[in-house]
């Protein structure tokens, strides 16, 4: 009898939750119509741009399980600043808000070009993540038995994951095409410029002359530019 009561309670709770969710989705739909540029979010390149970030998040979540144990890492406050900046940047580049002036026309060829840049950035970030392997960390850190990776995209670039991510931000900004998206991309550039500076200080402290030699023989983000 007690078990039946529990099952009935669970069923009623599930039905109530579903009803609330459906009503909530309807309300969200109405709210989204007033906030977002409907013409932009119904274009297929924008949908695929969002899916690109979903793929990135799922892959990163899976790959993070194989990370090595940390020997040292940056403070929570420092990490919090980076997470805040990158999340604000992503919101700005990906959300086609109504009332925000357009920087680029809502042209399918332009949006497809942005989508191609995002896809290239995603591919580079995922490739570099595979080469970095167990030494990857979301935080600026040094792993136990850490080694300086100089193979694959790390042969010429010290931070190819960041190169890929910034390409994703930039490509998505082109797809969205607003001034807010451009502002978001600029915030992302500032966030990763800050992280590169802190990370290279950390790597120099850990690897000394080896990292100095690597820095002289490579580029931070883009060969020939930076």
N, C-alpha and C. Protein backbone atom coordinates (compact mmCIF):
# COMPACT_ATOMS: atom_id res chain seq x y z
N UNK A 1 0.83 -1.21 0.00
CA UNK A 1 0.00 0.00 0.00
C UNK A 1 0.87 1.26 0.00
N UNK A 2 1.90 1.28 0.87
CA UNK A 2 2.78 2.43 0.96
C UNK A 2 3.49 2.67 -0.36
N UNK A 3 3.91 1.54 -0.99
CA UNK A 3 4.60 1.66 -2.27
C UNK A 3 3.68 2.26 -3.33
N UNK A 4 2.39 1.84 -3.35
CA UNK A 4 1.44 2.39 -4.31
C UNK A 4 1.24 3.89 -4.11
N UNK A 5 1.19 4.30 -2.84
CA UNK A 5 1.04 5.73 -2.55
C UNK A 5 2.23 6.52 -3.10
N UNK A 6 3.42 5.95 -2.92
CA UNK A 6 4.63 6.62 -3.41
C UNK A 6 4.59 6.75 -4.93
N UNK A 7 4.17 5.64 -5.60
CA UNK A 7 4.09 5.66 -7.06
C UNK A 7 3.07 6.68 -7.56
N UNK A 8 1.90 6.71 -6.89
CA UNK A 8 0.87 7.67 -7.28
C UNK A 8 1.36 9.11 -7.05
N UNK A 9 2.02 9.32 -5.95
CA UNK A 9 2.55 10.66 -5.66
C UNK A 9 3.57 11.08 -6.71
N UNK A 10 4.41 10.12 -7.10
CA UNK A 10 5.41 10.41 -8.12
C UNK A 10 4.75 10.74 -9.45
N UNK A 11 3.68 9.97 -9.80
CA UNK A 11 2.99 10.19 -11.05
C UNK A 11 2.31 11.55 -11.07
N UNK A 12 1.59 11.87 -9.99
CA UNK A 12 0.93 13.17 -9.90
C UNK A 12 1.95 14.31 -9.97
N UNK A 13 3.07 14.12 -9.26
CA UNK A 13 4.11 15.13 -9.28
C UNK A 13 4.68 15.33 -10.67
N UNK A 14 4.87 14.22 -11.39
CA UNK A 14 5.41 14.30 -12.75
C UNK A 14 4.44 15.03 -13.68
N UNK A 15 3.15 14.70 -13.56
CA UNK A 15 2.14 15.36 -14.40
C UNK A 15 2.06 16.85 -14.09
N UNK A 16 2.12 17.18 -12.81
CA UNK A 16 2.08 18.59 -12.42
C UNK A 16 3.32 19.31 -12.95
N UNK A 17 4.45 18.66 -12.82
CA UNK A 17 5.69 19.26 -13.32
C UNK A 17 5.66 19.47 -14.82
N UNK A 18 5.10 18.48 -15.54
CA UNK A 18 5.00 18.60 -16.99
C UNK A 18 4.08 19.77 -17.37
N UNK A 19 2.95 19.90 -16.65
CA UNK A 19 2.02 20.99 -16.93
C UNK A 19 2.68 22.35 -16.71
N UNK A 20 3.41 22.44 -15.62
CA UNK A 20 4.11 23.70 -15.32
C UNK A 20 5.16 23.99 -16.38
N UNK A 21 5.87 22.92 -16.79
CA UNK A 21 6.91 23.10 -17.80
C UNK A 21 6.34 23.56 -19.13
N UNK A 22 5.20 22.94 -19.54
CA UNK A 22 4.56 23.32 -20.80
C UNK A 22 4.11 24.78 -20.76
N UNK A 23 3.49 25.14 -19.63
CA UNK A 23 3.05 26.53 -19.49
C UNK A 23 4.26 27.48 -19.48
N UNK A 24 5.33 27.00 -18.80
CA UNK A 24 6.54 27.82 -18.75
C UNK A 24 7.16 27.99 -20.12
N UNK A 25 7.16 26.91 -20.94
CA UNK A 25 7.70 27.00 -22.28
C UNK A 25 6.88 27.96 -23.14
N UNK A 26 5.55 27.92 -22.94
CA UNK A 26 4.69 28.84 -23.69
C UNK A 26 5.00 30.29 -23.30
N UNK A 27 5.16 30.50 -22.00
CA UNK A 27 5.51 31.84 -21.54
C UNK A 27 6.87 32.26 -22.04
N UNK A 28 7.82 31.30 -22.06
CA UNK A 28 9.16 31.61 -22.55
C UNK A 28 9.12 31.96 -24.03
N UNK A 29 8.28 31.23 -24.78
CA UNK A 29 8.15 31.53 -26.21
C UNK A 29 7.65 32.95 -26.42
N UNK A 30 6.64 33.34 -25.65
CA UNK A 30 6.11 34.70 -25.77
C UNK A 30 7.17 35.73 -25.39
N UNK A 31 7.92 35.43 -24.32
CA UNK A 31 8.96 36.35 -23.88
C UNK A 31 10.07 36.46 -24.93
N UNK A 32 10.44 35.30 -25.51
CA UNK A 32 11.52 35.30 -26.49
C UNK A 32 11.14 36.11 -27.73
N UNK A 33 9.84 36.10 -28.08
CA UNK A 33 9.39 36.86 -29.24
C UNK A 33 9.60 38.36 -29.03
N UNK A 34 9.51 38.79 -27.77
CA UNK A 34 9.67 40.22 -27.48
C UNK A 34 11.12 40.62 -27.26
N UNK A 35 11.99 39.64 -27.01
CA UNK A 35 13.40 39.94 -26.72
C UNK A 35 14.29 39.74 -27.92
N UNK A 36 14.08 38.62 -28.66
CA UNK A 36 14.99 38.25 -29.72
C UNK A 36 14.47 38.65 -31.09
N UNK A 37 15.40 38.87 -32.00
CA UNK A 37 15.08 39.17 -33.38
C UNK A 37 14.62 37.88 -34.06
N UNK A 38 13.33 37.78 -34.29
CA UNK A 38 12.75 36.53 -34.81
C UNK A 38 13.34 36.16 -36.16
N UNK A 39 13.61 37.17 -37.00
CA UNK A 39 14.15 36.90 -38.34
C UNK A 39 15.51 36.22 -38.25
N UNK A 40 16.31 36.62 -37.24
CA UNK A 40 17.65 36.05 -37.10
C UNK A 40 17.61 34.63 -36.57
N UNK A 41 16.79 34.39 -35.55
CA UNK A 41 16.82 33.08 -34.90
C UNK A 41 16.10 32.00 -35.72
N UNK A 42 15.39 32.40 -36.77
CA UNK A 42 14.77 31.39 -37.62
C UNK A 42 15.64 31.05 -38.83
N UNK A 43 16.76 31.70 -38.99
CA UNK A 43 17.68 31.38 -40.08
C UNK A 43 18.55 30.18 -39.70
N UNK A 44 18.72 29.25 -40.60
CA UNK A 44 19.42 28.02 -40.26
C UNK A 44 20.88 28.22 -39.87
N UNK A 45 21.63 29.22 -40.43
CA UNK A 45 23.02 29.37 -39.97
C UNK A 45 23.11 29.71 -38.49
N UNK A 46 22.15 30.52 -38.00
CA UNK A 46 22.19 30.86 -36.57
C UNK A 46 21.92 29.63 -35.72
N UNK A 47 20.98 28.78 -36.15
CA UNK A 47 20.69 27.55 -35.41
C UNK A 47 21.93 26.66 -35.35
N UNK A 48 22.63 26.54 -36.48
CA UNK A 48 23.84 25.72 -36.50
C UNK A 48 24.97 26.36 -35.68
N UNK A 49 25.00 27.68 -35.61
CA UNK A 49 25.99 28.37 -34.78
C UNK A 49 25.78 28.02 -33.31
N UNK A 50 24.53 27.99 -32.87
CA UNK A 50 24.22 27.60 -31.50
C UNK A 50 24.59 26.14 -31.27
N UNK A 51 24.29 25.28 -32.24
CA UNK A 51 24.63 23.86 -32.12
C UNK A 51 26.15 23.66 -32.01
N UNK A 52 26.91 24.51 -32.67
CA UNK A 52 28.37 24.42 -32.57
C UNK A 52 28.84 24.59 -31.13
N UNK A 53 28.24 25.53 -30.41
CA UNK A 53 28.61 25.74 -29.01
C UNK A 53 28.12 24.59 -28.13
N UNK A 54 26.99 24.00 -28.51
CA UNK A 54 26.51 22.83 -27.76
C UNK A 54 27.49 21.67 -27.92
N UNK A 55 27.94 21.43 -29.16
CA UNK A 55 28.93 20.37 -29.42
C UNK A 55 30.20 20.63 -28.63
N UNK A 56 30.66 21.88 -28.65
CA UNK A 56 31.86 22.24 -27.89
C UNK A 56 31.70 21.92 -26.41
N UNK A 57 30.57 22.32 -25.84
CA UNK A 57 30.33 22.11 -24.41
C UNK A 57 30.30 20.62 -24.06
N UNK A 58 29.61 19.83 -24.89
CA UNK A 58 29.51 18.40 -24.61
C UNK A 58 30.87 17.72 -24.73
N UNK A 59 31.64 18.09 -25.75
CA UNK A 59 32.97 17.50 -25.92
C UNK A 59 33.88 17.86 -24.76
N UNK A 60 33.84 19.12 -24.36
CA UNK A 60 34.71 19.57 -23.26
C UNK A 60 34.33 18.87 -21.95
N UNK A 61 33.04 18.70 -21.74
CA UNK A 61 32.57 18.02 -20.54
C UNK A 61 33.09 16.59 -20.50
N UNK A 62 33.06 15.92 -21.66
CA UNK A 62 33.54 14.53 -21.73
C UNK A 62 35.05 14.46 -21.57
N UNK A 63 35.77 15.35 -22.27
CA UNK A 63 37.23 15.30 -22.25
C UNK A 63 37.81 15.67 -20.89
N UNK A 64 37.08 16.49 -20.13
CA UNK A 64 37.60 16.93 -18.83
C UNK A 64 37.75 15.79 -17.84
N UNK A 65 37.08 14.67 -18.09
CA UNK A 65 37.14 13.54 -17.16
C UNK A 65 38.53 12.89 -17.13
N UNK A 66 39.33 13.12 -18.18
CA UNK A 66 40.64 12.48 -18.27
C UNK A 66 41.78 13.38 -17.81
N UNK A 67 41.45 14.54 -17.25
CA UNK A 67 42.48 15.48 -16.83
C UNK A 67 43.29 14.95 -15.65
N UNK A 68 44.58 15.27 -15.65
CA UNK A 68 45.46 14.81 -14.58
C UNK A 68 45.23 15.63 -13.31
N UNK A 69 45.74 15.13 -12.21
CA UNK A 69 45.61 15.82 -10.93
C UNK A 69 46.42 17.11 -10.94
N UNK A 70 45.86 18.13 -10.33
CA UNK A 70 46.52 19.44 -10.31
C UNK A 70 47.53 19.53 -9.17
N UNK A 71 48.66 20.15 -9.46
CA UNK A 71 49.65 20.42 -8.42
C UNK A 71 49.49 21.84 -7.89
N UNK A 72 49.09 22.75 -8.76
CA UNK A 72 48.82 24.13 -8.36
C UNK A 72 47.82 24.73 -9.34
N UNK A 73 47.07 25.74 -8.91
CA UNK A 73 46.09 26.36 -9.78
C UNK A 73 45.84 27.80 -9.35
N UNK A 74 45.21 28.57 -10.25
CA UNK A 74 44.92 29.97 -9.96
C UNK A 74 43.83 30.08 -8.91
N UNK A 75 43.69 31.26 -8.35
CA UNK A 75 42.69 31.48 -7.31
C UNK A 75 41.27 31.42 -7.88
N UNK A 76 40.31 31.18 -7.00
CA UNK A 76 38.91 31.16 -7.43
C UNK A 76 38.48 32.51 -7.97
N UNK A 77 38.99 33.58 -7.37
CA UNK A 77 38.62 34.92 -7.82
C UNK A 77 39.09 35.16 -9.25
N UNK A 78 40.32 34.76 -9.54
CA UNK A 78 40.87 34.93 -10.89
C UNK A 78 40.09 34.10 -11.89
N UNK A 79 39.80 32.86 -11.54
CA UNK A 79 39.02 32.00 -12.42
C UNK A 79 37.61 32.56 -12.62
N UNK A 80 37.04 33.11 -11.55
CA UNK A 80 35.71 33.69 -11.63
C UNK A 80 35.64 34.85 -12.59
N UNK A 81 36.69 35.68 -12.61
CA UNK A 81 36.73 36.82 -13.54
C UNK A 81 36.69 36.31 -14.98
N UNK A 82 37.49 35.28 -15.27
CA UNK A 82 37.52 34.75 -16.64
C UNK A 82 36.18 34.15 -17.04
N UNK A 83 35.60 33.35 -16.16
CA UNK A 83 34.32 32.72 -16.47
C UNK A 83 33.23 33.77 -16.69
N UNK A 84 33.23 34.80 -15.86
CA UNK A 84 32.23 35.87 -16.01
C UNK A 84 32.39 36.56 -17.36
N UNK A 85 33.61 36.94 -17.71
CA UNK A 85 33.84 37.66 -18.96
C UNK A 85 33.47 36.81 -20.17
N UNK A 86 33.87 35.55 -20.17
CA UNK A 86 33.60 34.70 -21.34
C UNK A 86 32.10 34.39 -21.47
N UNK A 87 31.41 34.26 -20.34
CA UNK A 87 29.96 34.00 -20.42
C UNK A 87 29.20 35.23 -20.92
N UNK A 88 29.60 36.40 -20.45
CA UNK A 88 28.98 37.64 -20.95
C UNK A 88 29.25 37.77 -22.45
N UNK A 89 30.49 37.47 -22.85
CA UNK A 89 30.86 37.55 -24.26
C UNK A 89 30.01 36.60 -25.10
N UNK A 90 29.84 35.37 -24.62
CA UNK A 90 29.06 34.39 -25.37
C UNK A 90 27.60 34.83 -25.49
N UNK A 91 27.05 35.35 -24.41
CA UNK A 91 25.67 35.82 -24.45
C UNK A 91 25.49 36.92 -25.49
N UNK A 92 26.46 37.83 -25.55
CA UNK A 92 26.36 38.95 -26.48
C UNK A 92 26.52 38.51 -27.93
N UNK A 93 27.44 37.56 -28.19
CA UNK A 93 27.68 37.16 -29.58
C UNK A 93 26.59 36.24 -30.10
N UNK A 94 25.92 35.52 -29.22
CA UNK A 94 25.00 34.49 -29.69
C UNK A 94 23.53 34.92 -29.66
N UNK A 95 23.21 35.97 -28.90
CA UNK A 95 21.81 36.38 -28.74
C UNK A 95 21.48 37.55 -29.65
N UNK A 96 20.68 37.34 -30.70
CA UNK A 96 20.29 38.44 -31.59
C UNK A 96 19.15 39.24 -30.96
N UNK A 97 19.50 40.15 -30.08
CA UNK A 97 18.49 40.91 -29.33
C UNK A 97 17.78 41.93 -30.22
N UNK A 98 16.49 42.06 -30.00
CA UNK A 98 15.71 43.05 -30.75
C UNK A 98 16.11 44.45 -30.31
N UNK A 99 16.10 45.37 -31.26
CA UNK A 99 16.41 46.76 -30.95
C UNK A 99 17.88 47.08 -31.01
N UNK A 100 18.74 46.06 -31.14
CA UNK A 100 20.19 46.31 -31.26
C UNK A 100 20.50 46.53 -32.73
N UNK A 101 21.11 47.67 -33.09
CA UNK A 101 21.42 47.92 -34.51
C UNK A 101 22.32 46.84 -35.09
N UNK A 102 22.11 46.54 -36.36
CA UNK A 102 22.91 45.54 -37.04
C UNK A 102 24.20 46.15 -37.55
N UNK A 103 25.26 45.40 -37.41
CA UNK A 103 26.56 45.78 -37.98
C UNK A 103 26.68 45.19 -39.38
N UNK A 104 26.14 43.97 -39.55
CA UNK A 104 26.18 43.27 -40.83
C UNK A 104 24.75 42.98 -41.28
N UNK A 105 24.49 42.96 -42.57
CA UNK A 105 23.14 42.63 -43.04
C UNK A 105 22.81 41.17 -42.75
N UNK A 106 21.53 40.89 -42.57
CA UNK A 106 21.07 39.52 -42.30
C UNK A 106 21.07 38.74 -43.60
N UNK A 107 22.25 38.57 -44.15
CA UNK A 107 22.42 37.91 -45.44
C UNK A 107 22.89 36.48 -45.22
N UNK A 108 22.27 35.53 -45.89
CA UNK A 108 22.65 34.12 -45.71
C UNK A 108 24.11 33.87 -46.08
N UNK A 109 24.66 34.41 -47.19
CA UNK A 109 26.08 34.19 -47.49
C UNK A 109 27.01 34.69 -46.38
N UNK A 110 26.70 35.85 -45.81
CA UNK A 110 27.54 36.38 -44.73
C UNK A 110 27.43 35.49 -43.50
N UNK A 111 26.23 35.05 -43.18
CA UNK A 111 26.04 34.19 -42.02
C UNK A 111 26.74 32.84 -42.21
N UNK A 112 26.69 32.32 -43.43
CA UNK A 112 27.38 31.06 -43.72
C UNK A 112 28.88 31.22 -43.58
N UNK A 113 29.43 32.37 -44.01
CA UNK A 113 30.85 32.64 -43.85
C UNK A 113 31.23 32.64 -42.36
N UNK A 114 30.39 33.28 -41.54
CA UNK A 114 30.65 33.28 -40.11
C UNK A 114 30.57 31.89 -39.53
N UNK A 115 29.61 31.11 -40.01
CA UNK A 115 29.46 29.73 -39.55
C UNK A 115 30.68 28.90 -39.91
N UNK A 116 31.26 29.15 -41.09
CA UNK A 116 32.47 28.42 -41.50
C UNK A 116 33.65 28.75 -40.59
N UNK A 117 33.77 30.04 -40.21
CA UNK A 117 34.84 30.44 -39.29
C UNK A 117 34.64 29.77 -37.94
N UNK A 118 33.39 29.74 -37.46
CA UNK A 118 33.11 29.09 -36.18
C UNK A 118 33.45 27.60 -36.24
N UNK A 119 33.07 26.94 -37.34
CA UNK A 119 33.35 25.50 -37.48
C UNK A 119 34.85 25.24 -37.51
N UNK A 120 35.61 26.11 -38.20
CA UNK A 120 37.07 25.95 -38.23
C UNK A 120 37.65 26.13 -36.83
N UNK A 121 37.13 27.11 -36.09
CA UNK A 121 37.60 27.32 -34.73
C UNK A 121 37.29 26.14 -33.82
N UNK A 122 36.09 25.59 -33.96
CA UNK A 122 35.70 24.42 -33.18
C UNK A 122 36.61 23.24 -33.48
N UNK A 123 36.91 23.02 -34.75
CA UNK A 123 37.78 21.91 -35.14
C UNK A 123 39.18 22.07 -34.56
N UNK A 124 39.72 23.29 -34.64
CA UNK A 124 41.05 23.54 -34.09
C UNK A 124 41.07 23.35 -32.58
N UNK A 125 40.06 23.86 -31.89
CA UNK A 125 40.01 23.73 -30.43
C UNK A 125 39.94 22.27 -30.01
N UNK A 126 39.14 21.48 -30.71
CA UNK A 126 39.01 20.07 -30.37
C UNK A 126 40.29 19.30 -30.69
N UNK A 127 40.94 19.63 -31.81
CA UNK A 127 42.20 18.98 -32.16
C UNK A 127 43.28 19.30 -31.13
N UNK A 128 43.38 20.59 -30.76
CA UNK A 128 44.39 20.99 -29.78
C UNK A 128 44.11 20.36 -28.42
N UNK A 129 42.84 20.23 -28.08
CA UNK A 129 42.48 19.59 -26.81
C UNK A 129 42.95 18.14 -26.78
N UNK A 130 42.88 17.46 -27.91
CA UNK A 130 43.33 16.07 -27.97
C UNK A 130 44.84 15.99 -27.79
N UNK A 131 45.58 16.91 -28.39
CA UNK A 131 47.04 16.90 -28.24
C UNK A 131 47.46 17.26 -26.82
N UNK A 132 46.72 18.16 -26.20
CA UNK A 132 47.05 18.55 -24.83
C UNK A 132 46.75 17.43 -23.84
N UNK A 133 45.73 16.64 -24.15
CA UNK A 133 45.44 15.44 -23.36
C UNK A 133 45.18 15.71 -21.90
N UNK A 134 45.81 14.94 -21.04
CA UNK A 134 45.55 15.00 -19.60
C UNK A 134 46.12 16.25 -18.94
N UNK A 135 46.89 17.06 -19.70
CA UNK A 135 47.45 18.28 -19.11
C UNK A 135 46.52 19.48 -19.24
N UNK A 136 45.34 19.28 -19.88
CA UNK A 136 44.39 20.38 -20.00
C UNK A 136 43.73 20.69 -18.67
N UNK A 137 43.41 21.96 -18.48
CA UNK A 137 42.64 22.38 -17.31
C UNK A 137 41.90 23.66 -17.64
N UNK A 138 40.68 23.79 -17.15
CA UNK A 138 39.95 25.03 -17.34
C UNK A 138 40.61 26.18 -16.59
N UNK A 139 41.16 25.86 -15.44
CA UNK A 139 41.88 26.85 -14.65
C UNK A 139 43.34 26.92 -15.11
N UNK A 140 43.98 28.03 -14.82
CA UNK A 140 45.43 28.14 -15.04
C UNK A 140 46.09 27.29 -13.97
N UNK A 141 46.74 26.21 -14.38
CA UNK A 141 47.27 25.26 -13.39
C UNK A 141 48.48 24.53 -13.93
N UNK A 142 49.18 23.88 -13.02
CA UNK A 142 50.25 22.96 -13.36
C UNK A 142 49.86 21.60 -12.82
N UNK A 143 49.93 20.59 -13.68
CA UNK A 143 49.53 19.25 -13.29
C UNK A 143 50.68 18.49 -12.64
N UNK A 144 50.34 17.41 -11.96
CA UNK A 144 51.35 16.50 -11.46
C UNK A 144 52.05 15.87 -12.67
N UNK A 145 53.41 15.86 -12.66
CA UNK A 145 54.22 15.34 -13.77
C UNK A 145 53.91 16.06 -15.09
N UNK A 146 53.65 17.34 -14.99
CA UNK A 146 53.30 18.15 -16.17
C UNK A 146 54.46 18.20 -17.16
N UNK A 147 54.13 18.09 -18.45
CA UNK A 147 55.12 18.22 -19.51
C UNK A 147 54.69 19.31 -20.47
N UNK A 148 55.67 19.96 -21.09
CA UNK A 148 55.39 21.02 -22.04
C UNK A 148 55.06 20.40 -23.39
N UNK A 149 53.82 20.53 -23.83
CA UNK A 149 53.38 19.94 -25.09
C UNK A 149 53.78 20.85 -26.25
N UNK A 150 54.50 20.26 -27.24
CA UNK A 150 54.95 21.03 -28.41
C UNK A 150 54.67 20.29 -29.71
N UNK A 151 53.70 19.42 -29.70
CA UNK A 151 53.35 18.64 -30.89
C UNK A 151 52.03 19.12 -31.47
N UNK A 152 51.72 18.68 -32.71
CA UNK A 152 50.47 19.07 -33.34
C UNK A 152 50.38 20.58 -33.49
N UNK A 153 49.22 21.17 -33.22
CA UNK A 153 49.07 22.62 -33.34
C UNK A 153 49.93 23.39 -32.34
N UNK A 154 50.40 22.71 -31.29
CA UNK A 154 51.27 23.37 -30.30
C UNK A 154 52.69 23.57 -30.82
N UNK A 155 52.98 23.03 -31.98
CA UNK A 155 54.32 23.20 -32.54
C UNK A 155 54.56 24.65 -32.92
N UNK A 156 53.52 25.32 -33.43
CA UNK A 156 53.65 26.72 -33.85
C UNK A 156 52.85 27.68 -32.98
N UNK A 157 51.82 27.18 -32.30
CA UNK A 157 50.97 28.03 -31.47
C UNK A 157 51.05 27.59 -30.01
N UNK A 158 51.22 28.55 -29.11
CA UNK A 158 51.28 28.20 -27.68
C UNK A 158 49.88 28.01 -27.10
N UNK A 159 48.88 28.64 -27.71
CA UNK A 159 47.52 28.56 -27.17
C UNK A 159 46.50 28.30 -28.28
N UNK A 160 46.64 27.19 -29.00
CA UNK A 160 45.71 26.94 -30.13
C UNK A 160 44.25 26.75 -29.70
N UNK A 161 44.03 26.29 -28.47
CA UNK A 161 42.64 26.18 -28.01
C UNK A 161 42.01 27.57 -27.96
N UNK A 162 42.76 28.54 -27.47
CA UNK A 162 42.23 29.90 -27.39
C UNK A 162 42.05 30.49 -28.79
N UNK A 163 42.96 30.15 -29.71
CA UNK A 163 42.79 30.58 -31.11
C UNK A 163 41.47 30.05 -31.65
N UNK A 164 41.21 28.76 -31.40
CA UNK A 164 39.97 28.16 -31.86
C UNK A 164 38.74 28.78 -31.22
N UNK A 165 38.82 29.04 -29.92
CA UNK A 165 37.69 29.63 -29.21
C UNK A 165 37.39 31.05 -29.72
N UNK A 166 38.44 31.84 -29.91
CA UNK A 166 38.22 33.20 -30.41
C UNK A 166 37.66 33.18 -31.83
N UNK A 167 38.06 32.18 -32.62
CA UNK A 167 37.46 32.03 -33.95
C UNK A 167 35.98 31.68 -33.82
N UNK A 168 35.64 30.87 -32.82
CA UNK A 168 34.23 30.54 -32.59
C UNK A 168 33.45 31.79 -32.18
N UNK A 169 34.01 32.58 -31.28
CA UNK A 169 33.34 33.83 -30.89
C UNK A 169 33.18 34.75 -32.09
N UNK A 170 34.27 34.90 -32.87
CA UNK A 170 34.22 35.80 -34.02
C UNK A 170 33.25 35.32 -35.08
N UNK A 171 33.28 34.01 -35.37
CA UNK A 171 32.36 33.48 -36.37
C UNK A 171 30.91 33.61 -35.95
N UNK A 172 30.65 33.35 -34.68
CA UNK A 172 29.27 33.48 -34.19
C UNK A 172 28.82 34.94 -34.23
N UNK A 173 29.75 35.86 -33.94
CA UNK A 173 29.41 37.28 -34.00
C UNK A 173 29.02 37.68 -35.42
N UNK A 174 29.70 37.13 -36.41
CA UNK A 174 29.35 37.41 -37.81
C UNK A 174 27.97 36.85 -38.14
N UNK A 175 27.69 35.65 -37.64
CA UNK A 175 26.36 35.05 -37.88
C UNK A 175 25.27 35.91 -37.26
N UNK A 176 25.48 36.36 -36.03
CA UNK A 176 24.47 37.19 -35.35
C UNK A 176 24.40 38.58 -35.97
N UNK A 177 25.57 39.17 -36.23
CA UNK A 177 25.63 40.38 -37.04
C UNK A 177 25.26 41.69 -36.38
N UNK A 178 25.22 41.74 -35.03
CA UNK A 178 24.84 42.99 -34.36
C UNK A 178 26.06 43.66 -33.72
N UNK A 179 25.88 44.92 -33.34
CA UNK A 179 26.94 45.63 -32.63
C UNK A 179 27.19 45.00 -31.27
N UNK A 180 26.15 44.45 -30.66
CA UNK A 180 26.33 43.75 -29.38
C UNK A 180 27.22 42.53 -29.56
N UNK A 181 27.07 41.84 -30.69
CA UNK A 181 27.91 40.67 -30.96
C UNK A 181 29.37 41.08 -31.10
N UNK A 182 29.61 42.21 -31.75
CA UNK A 182 30.98 42.71 -31.87
C UNK A 182 31.55 43.04 -30.49
N UNK A 183 30.72 43.66 -29.64
CA UNK A 183 31.16 43.96 -28.28
C UNK A 183 31.50 42.68 -27.52
N UNK A 184 30.68 41.65 -27.72
CA UNK A 184 30.95 40.37 -27.08
C UNK A 184 32.27 39.77 -27.53
N UNK A 185 32.56 39.85 -28.82
CA UNK A 185 33.84 39.34 -29.34
C UNK A 185 35.00 40.10 -28.72
N UNK A 186 34.87 41.41 -28.61
CA UNK A 186 35.94 42.22 -28.00
C UNK A 186 36.16 41.83 -26.54
N UNK A 187 35.07 41.55 -25.81
CA UNK A 187 35.20 41.11 -24.42
C UNK A 187 35.93 39.77 -24.36
N UNK A 188 35.61 38.87 -25.30
CA UNK A 188 36.28 37.57 -25.35
C UNK A 188 37.77 37.74 -25.60
N UNK A 189 38.13 38.64 -26.50
CA UNK A 189 39.55 38.91 -26.79
C UNK A 189 40.25 39.40 -25.53
N UNK A 190 39.63 40.32 -24.80
CA UNK A 190 40.23 40.83 -23.56
C UNK A 190 40.36 39.72 -22.53
N UNK A 191 39.34 38.86 -22.43
CA UNK A 191 39.37 37.77 -21.45
C UNK A 191 40.53 36.81 -21.72
N UNK A 192 40.71 36.45 -22.99
CA UNK A 192 41.77 35.49 -23.31
C UNK A 192 43.14 36.14 -23.35
N UNK A 193 43.22 37.45 -23.65
CA UNK A 193 44.50 38.15 -23.54
C UNK A 193 44.97 38.15 -22.09
N UNK A 194 44.04 38.39 -21.18
CA UNK A 194 44.35 38.33 -19.75
C UNK A 194 44.80 36.93 -19.35
N UNK A 195 44.08 35.92 -19.81
CA UNK A 195 44.40 34.55 -19.42
C UNK A 195 45.75 34.12 -19.98
N UNK A 196 46.05 34.51 -21.22
CA UNK A 196 47.34 34.17 -21.81
C UNK A 196 48.48 34.76 -21.00
N UNK A 197 48.33 36.03 -20.60
CA UNK A 197 49.39 36.68 -19.81
C UNK A 197 49.62 35.93 -18.50
N UNK A 198 48.54 35.60 -17.80
CA UNK A 198 48.68 34.88 -16.53
C UNK A 198 49.22 33.47 -16.74
N UNK A 199 48.75 32.81 -17.78
CA UNK A 199 49.16 31.43 -18.04
C UNK A 199 50.63 31.34 -18.42
N UNK A 200 51.11 32.31 -19.19
CA UNK A 200 52.52 32.26 -19.59
C UNK A 200 53.45 32.56 -18.42
N UNK A 201 53.02 33.40 -17.51
CA UNK A 201 53.80 33.60 -16.28
C UNK A 201 53.89 32.29 -15.51
N UNK A 202 52.79 31.58 -15.44
CA UNK A 202 52.74 30.31 -14.73
C UNK A 202 53.62 29.26 -15.40
N UNK A 203 53.57 29.19 -16.72
CA UNK A 203 54.38 28.22 -17.46
C UNK A 203 55.86 28.54 -17.37
N UNK A 204 56.19 29.83 -17.40
CA UNK A 204 57.59 30.21 -17.27
C UNK A 204 58.12 29.84 -15.89
N UNK A 205 57.29 30.01 -14.88
CA UNK A 205 57.69 29.63 -13.52
C UNK A 205 57.92 28.12 -13.42
N UNK A 206 57.09 27.35 -14.13
CA UNK A 206 57.17 25.89 -14.04
C UNK A 206 58.27 25.29 -14.90
N UNK A 207 58.49 25.86 -16.11
CA UNK A 207 59.41 25.23 -17.06
C UNK A 207 60.66 26.05 -17.36
N UNK A 208 60.71 27.29 -16.88
CA UNK A 208 61.92 28.09 -16.99
C UNK A 208 62.44 28.26 -18.40
N UNK A 209 63.70 27.88 -18.63
CA UNK A 209 64.37 28.09 -19.91
C UNK A 209 63.68 27.34 -21.05
N UNK A 210 63.12 26.18 -20.77
CA UNK A 210 62.42 25.42 -21.82
C UNK A 210 61.25 26.21 -22.38
N UNK A 211 60.49 26.86 -21.49
CA UNK A 211 59.36 27.64 -21.97
C UNK A 211 59.83 28.90 -22.69
N UNK A 212 60.92 29.50 -22.23
CA UNK A 212 61.46 30.69 -22.90
C UNK A 212 61.87 30.35 -24.33
N UNK A 213 62.51 29.19 -24.50
CA UNK A 213 62.89 28.76 -25.85
C UNK A 213 61.66 28.51 -26.71
N UNK A 214 60.64 27.89 -26.12
CA UNK A 214 59.39 27.62 -26.83
C UNK A 214 58.72 28.92 -27.24
N UNK A 215 58.74 29.91 -26.37
CA UNK A 215 58.11 31.19 -26.67
C UNK A 215 58.81 31.89 -27.83
N UNK A 216 60.14 31.76 -27.90
CA UNK A 216 60.88 32.38 -29.00
C UNK A 216 60.59 31.71 -30.34
N UNK A 217 60.21 30.45 -30.31
CA UNK A 217 60.03 29.67 -31.53
C UNK A 217 58.57 29.51 -31.95
N UNK A 218 57.67 30.17 -31.28
CA UNK A 218 56.24 29.99 -31.56
C UNK A 218 55.49 31.31 -31.46
N UNK A 219 54.20 31.25 -31.79
CA UNK A 219 53.31 32.40 -31.68
C UNK A 219 52.24 32.09 -30.65
N UNK A 220 51.73 33.12 -30.02
CA UNK A 220 50.71 32.90 -28.98
C UNK A 220 49.40 32.41 -29.58
N UNK A 221 48.89 33.13 -30.59
CA UNK A 221 47.56 32.80 -31.15
C UNK A 221 47.54 32.64 -32.66
N UNK A 222 48.19 33.59 -33.38
CA UNK A 222 48.11 33.61 -34.84
C UNK A 222 49.52 33.74 -35.41
N UNK A 223 49.96 32.77 -36.20
CA UNK A 223 51.31 32.83 -36.78
C UNK A 223 51.51 34.13 -37.57
N UNK A 224 52.64 34.79 -37.31
CA UNK A 224 52.98 36.02 -38.01
C UNK A 224 52.34 37.28 -37.47
N UNK A 225 51.37 37.13 -36.56
CA UNK A 225 50.68 38.30 -36.01
C UNK A 225 50.88 38.46 -34.51
N UNK A 226 50.57 37.41 -33.76
CA UNK A 226 50.64 37.50 -32.30
C UNK A 226 50.92 36.13 -31.70
